């Protein structure tokens, strides 16, 4: 699944951003329609979450922050307590902020009572050059 875009189409065009893959359902904060999944269903009807995102200046992008900011209702219900979550990142440069993005993401997961599952350097082979 993918999270909603927060940038206008005009800004996306100026960035030469590729079109979103329409075959991948989008999580919605509002009414569920064609090829969308409600926020609560998307997060509660799974065994765990693996969240992939780019980094922006050593932190999560605004779209991901807006996504987590919309989960207050789930927090009030304790809807994500005990749910495992892991994260992975993509940066444009070596030492581009992966560690700080992981660290700053943790506050969202901790507030929800989620169990953070690290994809750590024990998996040294993912750092190999191709």
Foldseek 3Di string as FASTA:
>chain_A
DAEDDPDDPVVCVVVVPDDDDQVAAYEDCDDDDPSHHHLLCVQQVDQAEEEEAEDDQQAGDPRVVVSLVSCVVCLVVLRAAAHEYEYDYDYPDVVRRGVSHVVVVVVSCVSSNYHYDYPDCVPVVVVDDD
